[in-house]
Protein backbone atom coordinates (compact mmCIF):
# COMPACT_ATOMS: atom_id res chain seq x y z
CA MET A 1 16.01 -63.90 18.14
CA PRO A 2 14.86 -61.31 15.54
CA TYR A 3 11.77 -61.92 13.48
CA SER A 4 11.74 -61.75 9.70
CA GLU A 5 8.90 -61.08 7.30
CA ARG A 6 8.48 -64.81 6.66
CA ASP A 7 7.95 -65.39 10.40
CA ILE A 8 4.88 -63.13 10.28
CA PRO A 9 2.53 -64.44 7.55
CA VAL A 10 0.04 -61.56 7.74
CA PRO A 11 0.44 -57.93 8.77
CA LEU A 12 0.68 -57.85 12.55
CA GLU A 13 -0.74 -54.97 14.54
CA VAL A 14 0.39 -54.08 18.04
CA GLU A 15 -0.17 -51.02 20.16
CA SER A 16 1.27 -49.29 23.19
CA THR A 17 0.12 -46.46 25.45
CA LEU A 18 1.65 -43.00 25.84
CA THR A 19 2.48 -41.82 29.35
CA ASP A 20 1.85 -38.30 30.62
CA ARG A 21 5.35 -37.44 29.36
CA TYR A 22 4.60 -38.81 25.86
CA GLN A 23 6.77 -41.88 26.42
CA THR A 24 5.88 -45.46 25.55
CA THR A 25 7.30 -48.95 25.73
CA VAL A 26 8.13 -50.41 22.34
CA PRO A 27 6.37 -53.79 22.20
CA GLU A 28 8.65 -56.84 22.37
CA ILE A 29 7.84 -58.07 18.86
CA VAL A 30 8.77 -54.66 17.45
CA ARG A 31 12.03 -54.57 19.45
CA ARG A 32 12.95 -58.05 18.27
CA THR A 33 11.99 -57.39 14.66
CA LEU A 34 14.08 -54.20 14.54
CA ARG A 35 16.85 -55.73 16.68
CA LEU A 36 16.56 -52.86 19.16
CA GLY A 37 18.51 -52.83 22.37
CA LYS A 38 18.68 -50.40 25.27
CA ARG A 39 19.64 -46.89 24.16
CA ASP A 40 19.31 -47.73 20.45
CA LYS A 41 17.76 -44.98 18.39
CA ILE A 42 14.51 -45.25 16.45
CA HIS A 43 13.95 -43.47 13.12
CA TYR A 44 10.48 -42.24 12.12
CA THR A 45 9.44 -41.58 8.53
CA ILE A 46 6.20 -39.61 8.21
CA ARG A 47 4.51 -40.17 4.87
CA PRO A 48 2.18 -37.64 3.19
CA ASN A 49 -0.87 -39.82 3.95
CA GLY A 50 -0.13 -39.60 7.70
CA GLU A 51 1.34 -43.08 7.96
CA VAL A 52 4.39 -43.29 10.20
CA VAL A 53 7.08 -45.91 9.53
CA LEU A 54 9.29 -46.86 12.44
CA THR A 55 12.76 -48.28 11.71
CA ARG A 56 16.00 -48.81 13.57
CA ALA A 57 18.19 -45.71 13.18
CA ASP A 58 21.70 -46.12 11.89
CA THR A 59 24.36 -45.34 14.46
CA SER A 60 25.61 -41.83 13.89
CA LYS A 61 29.31 -41.25 13.38
CA GLY A 62 29.10 -38.84 16.32
CA ASP A 63 27.89 -41.53 18.71
CA ASP A 64 30.48 -43.09 20.96
CA PRO A 65 30.22 -46.86 20.34
CA ALA A 66 31.84 -47.61 23.71
CA LEU A 67 29.50 -45.51 25.84
CA GLY A 68 26.44 -47.80 25.70
CA PRO A 69 28.33 -50.98 26.61
CA PHE A 70 30.21 -49.11 29.36
CA LEU A 71 26.96 -47.81 30.88
CA ASP A 72 25.50 -51.32 30.67
CA PHE A 73 28.59 -52.64 32.46
CA LEU A 74 28.20 -50.02 35.23
CA ALA A 75 24.50 -50.76 35.69
CA HIS A 76 25.19 -54.50 35.87
CA ASP A 77 28.07 -54.03 38.30
CA LEU A 78 26.04 -51.75 40.58
CA ALA A 79 23.12 -54.16 40.60
CA ASN A 80 25.29 -57.19 41.35
CA HIS A 81 27.79 -55.61 43.74
CA PRO A 82 26.10 -52.87 45.79
CA GLU A 83 28.74 -53.40 48.49
CA ARG A 84 31.24 -51.65 46.19
CA LEU A 85 29.38 -48.34 46.45
CA GLN A 86 31.18 -45.73 48.53
CA ALA A 87 29.97 -42.47 50.01
CA VAL A 88 31.23 -39.29 48.37
CA ASP A 89 33.50 -37.53 50.84
CA ALA A 90 33.28 -33.82 51.66
CA SER A 91 36.54 -32.92 49.87
CA LEU A 92 35.21 -34.27 46.56
CA VAL A 93 31.95 -32.37 47.01
CA GLN A 94 33.92 -29.15 47.64
CA ARG A 95 36.07 -29.79 44.55
CA LEU A 96 33.00 -30.34 42.38
CA GLN A 97 31.36 -27.19 43.73
CA SER A 98 34.48 -25.18 42.92
CA LEU A 99 34.33 -26.46 39.32
CA VAL A 100 30.67 -25.62 38.67
CA GLY A 101 30.63 -22.29 40.48
CA ASP A 102 27.21 -20.74 40.91
CA ILE A 103 25.36 -22.85 38.34
CA LYS A 104 21.92 -23.71 39.72
CA VAL A 105 20.19 -26.96 38.75
CA ASP A 106 16.54 -27.66 39.54
CA PHE A 107 16.24 -31.45 39.55
CA ASP A 108 12.46 -31.19 39.88
CA ALA A 109 11.98 -28.97 36.81
CA ALA A 110 10.29 -30.47 33.78
CA LEU A 111 12.55 -31.39 30.88
CA SER A 112 12.42 -29.20 27.79
CA ALA A 113 11.12 -30.69 24.54
CA ASP A 114 14.72 -31.06 23.33
CA ASP A 115 15.65 -33.07 26.44
CA GLU A 116 12.65 -35.45 26.30
């Protein structure tokens, strides 16, 4: 249930810690107040005095509204029915390799700032 200003009689302060990759967990009270869910976007307003205001970002017209729920469905289904997982056969691997050609991907490389 989201909080409203009347639920919090005085300014409430919470904090979280940055990881080595500059990531953090948004505290529960902030998530509930902003009605944030998984994969929701957060908007930051930086004021001239250095104060940063965090709000829930409006969904962009370019965002696919079905993608988030579909990914949630897949994650739930995989977690609850691991017996449905099937090995990828060699013919599919060959087909995928023919489609990507000689593109090399380093899965251990650090993400760029744009990909963080």
